[in-house]
Every structure is written in structure tokens, then in C-alpha cells.
Protein backbone atom coordinates (compact mmCIF):
# COMPACT_ATOMS: atom_id res chain seq x y z
CA MET A 1 161.27 120.44 136.52
CA LYS A 2 163.09 117.91 134.42
CA THR A 3 163.02 117.61 130.64
CA HIS A 4 161.79 114.24 129.42
CA THR A 5 162.25 112.88 125.91
CA LEU A 6 159.42 110.80 124.48
CA SER A 7 159.66 108.73 121.33
CA VAL A 8 156.18 108.29 119.86
CA LEU A 9 155.58 105.95 116.92
CA VAL A 10 152.50 107.00 114.96
CA GLU A 11 150.69 106.09 111.79
CA ASN A 12 152.00 108.26 108.94
CA GLN A 13 148.71 110.10 108.27
CA ALA A 14 147.60 113.69 107.94
CA GLY A 15 146.54 115.34 111.20
CA VAL A 16 148.36 113.00 113.60
CA LEU A 17 150.95 115.61 114.61
CA ALA A 18 148.19 118.16 115.24
CA ARG A 19 146.36 115.74 117.54
CA VAL A 20 149.54 114.88 119.45
CA SER A 21 150.63 118.49 119.92
CA SER A 22 147.13 119.66 120.88
CA LEU A 23 147.12 117.08 123.68
CA PHE A 24 150.03 118.95 125.29
CA SER A 25 148.47 122.35 124.60
CA ARG A 26 145.13 121.44 126.19
CA ARG A 27 146.93 120.44 129.39
CA GLY A 28 149.10 123.58 129.47
CA TYR A 29 152.40 121.76 128.88
CA ASN A 30 154.98 123.46 126.72
CA ILE A 31 156.77 121.29 124.17
CA GLU A 32 160.43 122.33 124.36
CA ALA A 33 161.47 120.50 121.19
CA LEU A 34 159.63 118.54 118.56
CA SER A 35 161.04 116.48 115.72
CA VAL A 36 159.10 114.35 113.27
CA GLY A 37 160.39 112.05 110.58
CA PRO A 38 159.90 108.80 108.76
CA THR A 39 161.06 105.43 110.05
CA GLN A 40 162.27 102.38 108.16
CA ASN A 41 158.57 101.64 107.55
CA SER A 42 156.95 104.24 105.25
CA GLU A 43 153.60 103.80 107.02
CA ILE A 44 155.06 104.85 110.41
CA SER A 45 156.59 108.13 111.59
CA ARG A 46 158.52 108.84 114.78
CA ILE A 47 157.71 111.96 116.79
CA THR A 48 160.41 112.89 119.30
CA ILE A 49 159.07 115.26 121.95
CA SER A 50 161.02 117.03 124.70
CA VAL A 51 158.70 118.23 127.43
CA ASN A 52 159.29 119.69 130.88
CA VAL A 53 156.91 117.87 133.25
CA GLU A 54 157.24 115.87 136.46
CA GLY A 55 156.09 112.53 137.87
CA HIS A 56 152.33 112.17 137.77
CA ALA A 57 151.94 114.74 134.98
CA LEU A 58 154.35 112.76 132.78
CA ASP A 59 152.41 109.56 133.46
CA GLN A 60 149.16 111.33 132.52
CA VAL A 61 150.65 112.65 129.27
CA ILE A 62 151.86 109.18 128.30
CA GLN A 63 148.47 107.62 129.15
CA GLN A 64 146.62 110.27 127.14
CA LEU A 65 148.99 109.86 124.16
CA ASP A 66 148.43 106.12 124.30
CA LYS A 67 144.67 106.68 123.91
CA LEU A 68 145.08 108.50 120.59
CA VAL A 69 143.96 106.25 117.73
CA ASN A 70 147.01 106.77 115.50
CA VAL A 71 149.61 106.24 118.24
CA ILE A 72 151.36 102.87 117.98
CA ASP A 73 153.96 103.03 120.77
CA ILE A 74 155.42 105.47 123.31
CA ILE A 75 158.81 105.15 124.94
CA GLU A 76 160.46 107.53 127.39
CA LEU A 77 164.14 107.85 126.47
CA PRO A 78 166.32 108.91 129.41
CA ALA A 79 169.63 110.44 128.30
CA SER A 80 171.51 107.68 130.14
CA THR A 81 169.98 104.90 128.03
CA SER A 82 169.62 106.60 124.66
CA HIS A 83 171.47 108.46 121.95
CA GLN A 84 170.19 112.06 121.79
CA VAL A 85 171.42 114.64 119.29
CA GLU A 86 170.41 118.02 117.90
CA LEU A 87 171.39 119.89 114.77
CA ILE A 88 172.02 123.64 114.73
CA LEU A 89 172.81 126.18 112.08
CA VAL A 90 174.10 129.43 113.53
CA ARG A 91 175.25 132.58 111.75
CA VAL A 92 177.78 134.66 113.68
CA ALA A 93 179.24 138.06 112.91
CA VAL A 94 182.89 138.40 111.95
CA ALA A 95 183.30 142.04 112.94
CA ASN A 96 187.09 142.07 113.43
CA GLY A 97 188.07 140.12 110.31
CA ALA A 98 190.96 137.67 110.65
CA SER A 99 191.17 138.15 114.43
CA ASP A 100 187.58 136.98 114.98
CA GLN A 101 187.99 134.29 112.34
CA LYS A 102 190.89 132.68 114.24
CA LYS A 103 189.04 132.82 117.55
CA ILE A 104 185.90 131.31 116.02
CA ASP A 105 187.95 128.60 114.29
CA ALA A 106 189.40 127.63 117.68
CA VAL A 107 185.89 127.36 119.17
CA LEU A 108 184.70 125.27 116.22
CA GLU A 109 187.66 122.92 116.45
CA LYS A 110 187.05 122.46 120.18
CA HIS A 111 183.41 121.49 119.53
CA GLY A 112 183.82 119.61 116.26
CA ALA A 113 181.59 122.08 114.40
CA HIS A 114 182.26 123.34 110.90
CA VAL A 115 181.62 126.32 108.63
CA VAL A 116 179.09 125.76 105.85
CA GLU A 117 179.15 129.33 104.50
CA SER A 118 181.60 132.18 104.83
CA THR A 119 181.21 135.84 103.85
CA ALA A 120 183.24 138.93 104.64
CA THR A 121 180.91 139.75 107.56
CA SER A 122 179.61 136.39 108.82
CA LEU A 123 180.10 132.66 109.17
CA THR A 124 177.34 130.07 109.07
CA ILE A 125 178.20 127.12 111.29
CA GLN A 126 176.71 123.63 111.48
CA GLN A 127 176.92 121.26 114.43
CA THR A 128 175.29 117.94 115.29
CA ALA A 129 175.86 116.93 118.91
CA LYS A 130 174.30 116.13 122.27
CA PRO A 131 172.06 118.92 123.61
CA ALA A 132 174.56 119.95 126.33
CA GLU A 133 177.34 120.23 123.73
CA ILE A 134 175.09 122.37 121.51
CA GLU A 135 174.40 124.69 124.46
CA ALA A 136 178.13 124.98 125.18
CA LEU A 137 178.90 125.87 121.55
CA ILE A 138 176.16 128.52 121.46
CA SER A 139 177.46 129.97 124.72
CA GLU A 140 180.98 130.31 123.29
CA LEU A 141 179.73 131.83 120.03
CA THR A 142 177.44 134.39 121.71
CA PRO A 143 180.19 136.99 122.36
CA PHE A 144 180.89 137.20 118.60
CA GLY A 145 177.28 138.17 117.92
CA ILE A 146 174.74 135.58 116.86
CA MET A 147 172.87 136.95 113.87
CA GLU A 148 170.61 133.97 113.29
CA LEU A 149 170.09 130.57 114.93
CA THR A 150 167.98 127.53 114.19
CA GLN A 151 167.87 124.24 116.10
CA SER A 152 166.29 120.98 115.02
CA GLY A 153 165.14 119.76 118.39
CA VAL A 154 166.27 116.48 119.87
CA VAL A 155 166.14 113.27 117.91
CA ALA A 156 166.69 110.16 120.00
CA MET A 157 167.00 106.41 119.82
CA GLY A 158 167.34 103.88 122.62
CA ARG A 159 170.71 102.23 123.03
CA THR A 160 171.15 98.63 121.96
CA ILE A 161 171.08 96.33 124.96
CA THR A 162 173.65 93.55 124.84
CA SER A 163 174.14 90.78 127.32
């Protein structure tokens, strides 16, 4: 199955997120990532949903979302025609002191990530990047020992079309 990213504009009211997410739950679809935030209009929020469904099922989800009273607009955002990024914070162990520190610094430089907290036994790292780049960074940090990890989920915006 393929992961699809949906951008859903909704009225900024209590309970809207619960109704949207329960739609997926009732149909047995797992939401892989979910991000909600305000837009330039304080009365509207944007819900970005990453879901793993195919063809007809995706069409059904979009149609059902469109029927919800508080939903204003739904757009599928393919990676090829949108900007998609995630934020991670990851705490890794620094078991071998300066030796690990140098190796981790090389990984961070390669990926454009940076340290936001440093202790004698761990580093907390922040990165904002495309989902594939986030996965690559996590993969390279795993051998050091990931102590804690949190990801924001994808946020996305369609690219500007110019003629």
C-alpha cells in the first residue's frame, strides 16, 4: 500500500478532530501521522493526515470526509507536487565519550541536524526535513542507542504553480 497525505481544512471548533479521526477508525484505516494547526485565518485549522490506503478506499475516505459538516476542503498532496516535512527530537546515548561525540557530529553535519541539549551521557538532536531524510537520520543514529524519540508527523503544503 502507498501512503497518501491529505490536507483537510476544517472549522476551528471543539470536536472536529475527534470526528475526523473516528471516520478513519470506523473504517479500520490506521492514521500513520496526524498534524493539526492553525492557518492564516483563526477560524480555520489545517489537519494533515498520512494514511496508508489504496485507490477506491482513498476515494471513499475523501468522500466521507467531505460529508462532515465542519470540513471545508480536502486536498491530496502527492510528494511530487508538495512540500512535506517532519520534525523530530531524538535523544541518543553517548556511551564512549568523545569518540561517539565525533561520530554523531559527523552524522548530524551530513543531515543538517543539530544538538539542542548535551549531557555527559546523551545528546538531544533536532531535525526538520523530508520524511525520507528523517528516516535516514534515525537509521544512522540507531547504532548509538536511541533513548527517546518523538516525531511531529508530516506537515505539507502544495507547491506554487507558475506559468
